[in-house]
Amino acid sequence: MIPISTPHTVRCPNCGRLGERHYLAESKILRTQCHHCDYLMVTCATTGRVIEAYSPGLYAQAIVR
């Protein structure tokens, strides 16, 4: 099991409320999550590539316009 770092408080990019960001140094992963709207974004801290994303409030039609 990978230990999770101390969370940093950030604004959720989905709903604007307070969320958390964790940096997993061993695997160089950034995990941003919001417990209010169930937002999750896991990215590689080195390349910035998205590894996993879940945001039930964002719809493809609203993003692609």
N, C-alpha and C. Protein backbone atom coordinates (compact mmCIF):
# COMPACT_ATOMS: atom_id res chain seq x y z
N MET A 1 0.84 -1.19 0.00
CA MET A 1 0.00 0.00 0.00
C MET A 1 0.88 1.25 0.00
N ILE A 2 0.55 2.22 -0.83
CA ILE A 2 1.31 3.46 -0.94
C ILE A 2 0.80 4.44 0.11
N PRO A 3 1.70 4.99 0.93
CA PRO A 3 1.24 5.97 1.93
C PRO A 3 0.81 7.27 1.25
N ILE A 4 -0.28 7.85 1.75
CA ILE A 4 -0.80 9.09 1.20
C ILE A 4 -0.21 10.26 1.98
N SER A 5 0.18 11.29 1.27
CA SER A 5 0.77 12.47 1.89
C SER A 5 -0.27 13.27 2.66
N THR A 6 0.20 14.25 3.37
CA THR A 6 -0.70 15.18 4.05
C THR A 6 -1.49 15.93 2.99
N PRO A 7 -2.82 15.98 3.13
CA PRO A 7 -3.62 16.65 2.10
C PRO A 7 -3.45 18.17 2.14
N HIS A 8 -3.47 18.78 0.97
CA HIS A 8 -3.46 20.23 0.83
C HIS A 8 -4.86 20.65 0.41
N THR A 9 -5.37 21.70 1.00
CA THR A 9 -6.70 22.19 0.65
C THR A 9 -6.62 23.01 -0.63
N VAL A 10 -7.46 22.65 -1.60
CA VAL A 10 -7.53 23.35 -2.88
C VAL A 10 -9.00 23.55 -3.24
N ARG A 11 -9.27 24.44 -4.16
CA ARG A 11 -10.63 24.62 -4.68
C ARG A 11 -10.89 23.55 -5.73
N CYS A 12 -12.04 22.94 -5.65
CA CYS A 12 -12.43 21.94 -6.62
C CYS A 12 -12.67 22.61 -7.97
N PRO A 13 -12.06 22.11 -9.05
CA PRO A 13 -12.28 22.71 -10.36
C PRO A 13 -13.68 22.43 -10.91
N ASN A 14 -14.41 21.52 -10.30
CA ASN A 14 -15.74 21.17 -10.75
C ASN A 14 -16.82 22.02 -10.08
N CYS A 15 -16.80 22.10 -8.73
CA CYS A 15 -17.87 22.80 -8.03
C CYS A 15 -17.41 24.05 -7.28
N GLY A 16 -16.10 24.23 -7.11
CA GLY A 16 -15.58 25.42 -6.44
C GLY A 16 -15.47 25.32 -4.93
N ARG A 17 -15.97 24.25 -4.35
CA ARG A 17 -15.86 24.07 -2.91
C ARG A 17 -14.47 23.59 -2.55
N LEU A 18 -14.20 23.47 -1.25
CA LEU A 18 -12.90 23.02 -0.81
C LEU A 18 -12.74 21.52 -1.02
N GLY A 19 -11.62 21.15 -1.62
CA GLY A 19 -11.28 19.76 -1.86
C GLY A 19 -9.89 19.48 -1.33
N GLU A 20 -9.33 18.34 -1.70
CA GLU A 20 -8.01 17.94 -1.22
C GLU A 20 -7.11 17.57 -2.39
N ARG A 21 -5.83 17.82 -2.21
CA ARG A 21 -4.82 17.36 -3.17
C ARG A 21 -3.75 16.61 -2.40
N HIS A 22 -3.46 15.41 -2.87
CA HIS A 22 -2.43 14.58 -2.26
C HIS A 22 -1.32 14.37 -3.27
N TYR A 23 -0.07 14.37 -2.79
CA TYR A 23 1.07 14.06 -3.65
C TYR A 23 1.67 12.76 -3.14
N LEU A 24 1.71 11.76 -3.99
CA LEU A 24 2.30 10.47 -3.65
C LEU A 24 3.71 10.44 -4.22
N ALA A 25 4.68 10.76 -3.38
CA ALA A 25 6.06 10.95 -3.84
C ALA A 25 6.65 9.69 -4.44
N GLU A 26 6.38 8.54 -3.86
CA GLU A 26 6.97 7.30 -4.33
C GLU A 26 6.59 6.98 -5.78
N SER A 27 5.34 7.26 -6.14
CA SER A 27 4.88 6.98 -7.50
C SER A 27 4.73 8.24 -8.35
N LYS A 28 5.04 9.41 -7.79
CA LYS A 28 4.95 10.70 -8.50
C LYS A 28 3.54 10.92 -9.06
N ILE A 29 2.55 10.76 -8.20
CA ILE A 29 1.15 10.89 -8.57
C ILE A 29 0.52 12.04 -7.80
N LEU A 30 -0.30 12.84 -8.49
CA LEU A 30 -1.12 13.87 -7.85
C LEU A 30 -2.56 13.40 -7.88
N ARG A 31 -3.20 13.43 -6.72
CA ARG A 31 -4.60 13.02 -6.62
C ARG A 31 -5.40 14.18 -6.07
N THR A 32 -6.33 14.71 -6.86
CA THR A 32 -7.19 15.80 -6.44
C THR A 32 -8.60 15.25 -6.32
N GLN A 33 -9.24 15.52 -5.18
CA GLN A 33 -10.58 14.99 -4.96
C GLN A 33 -11.45 15.96 -4.19
N CYS A 34 -12.75 15.84 -4.43
CA CYS A 34 -13.74 16.67 -3.74
C CYS A 34 -14.83 15.75 -3.22
N HIS A 35 -15.06 15.81 -1.92
CA HIS A 35 -16.08 14.96 -1.31
C HIS A 35 -17.49 15.54 -1.49
N HIS A 36 -17.58 16.79 -1.90
CA HIS A 36 -18.89 17.43 -2.08
C HIS A 36 -19.56 16.99 -3.39
N CYS A 37 -18.79 16.96 -4.47
CA CYS A 37 -19.38 16.62 -5.78
C CYS A 37 -18.83 15.32 -6.37
N ASP A 38 -17.99 14.61 -5.61
CA ASP A 38 -17.43 13.32 -6.02
C ASP A 38 -16.44 13.45 -7.18
N TYR A 39 -15.77 14.59 -7.30
CA TYR A 39 -14.75 14.82 -8.33
C TYR A 39 -13.48 14.06 -7.97
N LEU A 40 -12.82 13.48 -8.96
CA LEU A 40 -11.53 12.81 -8.78
C LEU A 40 -10.68 13.02 -10.02
N MET A 41 -9.43 13.42 -9.83
CA MET A 41 -8.48 13.55 -10.94
C MET A 41 -7.14 13.04 -10.44
N VAL A 42 -6.62 12.01 -11.10
CA VAL A 42 -5.32 11.45 -10.77
C VAL A 42 -4.41 11.71 -11.96
N THR A 43 -3.30 12.42 -11.72
CA THR A 43 -2.38 12.76 -12.80
C THR A 43 -0.95 12.39 -12.43
N CYS A 44 -0.13 12.24 -13.44
CA CYS A 44 1.30 12.03 -13.25
C CYS A 44 1.92 13.39 -12.95
N ALA A 45 2.64 13.50 -11.84
CA ALA A 45 3.24 14.77 -11.46
C ALA A 45 4.39 15.15 -12.38
N THR A 46 4.98 14.19 -13.05
CA THR A 46 6.11 14.45 -13.95
C THR A 46 5.65 14.94 -15.32
N THR A 47 4.70 14.24 -15.92
CA THR A 47 4.28 14.55 -17.28
C THR A 47 2.98 15.35 -17.35
N GLY A 48 2.17 15.31 -16.28
CA GLY A 48 0.88 15.98 -16.28
C GLY A 48 -0.23 15.19 -16.95
N ARG A 49 0.07 13.98 -17.40
CA ARG A 49 -0.93 13.15 -18.07
C ARG A 49 -1.97 12.64 -17.08
N VAL A 50 -3.20 12.59 -17.54
CA VAL A 50 -4.30 12.10 -16.72
C VAL A 50 -4.26 10.58 -16.69
N ILE A 51 -4.28 10.03 -15.48
CA ILE A 51 -4.29 8.59 -15.29
C ILE A 51 -5.72 8.10 -15.06
N GLU A 52 -6.46 8.85 -14.25
CA GLU A 52 -7.85 8.50 -13.96
C GLU A 52 -8.62 9.79 -13.68
N ALA A 53 -9.85 9.84 -14.13
CA ALA A 53 -10.68 11.02 -13.88
C ALA A 53 -12.13 10.60 -13.73
N TYR A 54 -12.80 11.26 -12.80
CA TYR A 54 -14.22 11.01 -12.59
C TYR A 54 -14.85 12.30 -12.11
N SER A 55 -15.84 12.74 -12.83
CA SER A 55 -16.53 13.97 -12.45
C SER A 55 -17.97 13.87 -12.92
N PRO A 56 -18.87 13.42 -12.07
CA PRO A 56 -20.24 13.19 -12.50
C PRO A 56 -20.99 14.44 -12.92
N GLY A 57 -20.52 15.63 -12.54
CA GLY A 57 -21.22 16.86 -12.87
C GLY A 57 -20.81 17.47 -14.19
N LEU A 58 -19.75 16.98 -14.81
CA LEU A 58 -19.29 17.51 -16.09
C LEU A 58 -19.78 16.62 -17.23
N TYR A 59 -20.35 17.24 -18.24
CA TYR A 59 -20.89 16.50 -19.37
C TYR A 59 -20.07 16.81 -20.61
N ALA A 60 -19.85 15.81 -21.43
CA ALA A 60 -19.03 15.97 -22.63
C ALA A 60 -19.55 17.08 -23.53
N GLN A 61 -20.86 17.22 -23.69
CA GLN A 61 -21.41 18.25 -24.56
C GLN A 61 -21.05 19.65 -24.08
N ALA A 62 -20.99 19.87 -22.78
CA ALA A 62 -20.64 21.17 -22.24
C ALA A 62 -19.17 21.49 -22.43
N ILE A 63 -18.32 20.47 -22.47
CA ILE A 63 -16.88 20.67 -22.60
C ILE A 63 -16.46 20.84 -24.04
N VAL A 64 -17.07 20.12 -24.97
CA VAL A 64 -16.63 20.06 -26.37
C VAL A 64 -17.04 21.28 -27.18
N ARG A 65 -17.94 22.08 -26.74
CA ARG A 65 -18.45 23.22 -27.53
C ARG A 65 -17.42 24.10 -28.10
